[in-house]
Amino acid sequence: MDNNIYVDLNTVAKAKGLKSTRALRIAIQKGKYIAREITVAGGKSYKILYSSLESEVQEKLEDEETRCTALIPYDEKKIWCNTKK
């Protein structure tokens, strides 16, 4: 995975096994992660720089990306990846 990409909070929370994004928001405010603020419907959110995540979380995200880019037909892949949440 490219180190110059940003990952949304929900994806990071899922990879870390968190039930909400609150802990991540607090960590961003304390400067633990490099993040950028984005505007979403209903307010603001953050995206975290991939390279600022812990190596274990990066590995989990890479594993998830690998599973979602497996060599199966596109329509089936889309359905499979969306149901693995």
Foldseek 3Di string as FASTA:
>chain_A
DDQADWAFQVLLCVLVVHPDSVVVVVCVVVPQFDWDWDADVPGIGITTRLNSDDPSSNVSVVVLVPQLPDPDDPVVSVVVSVVVD
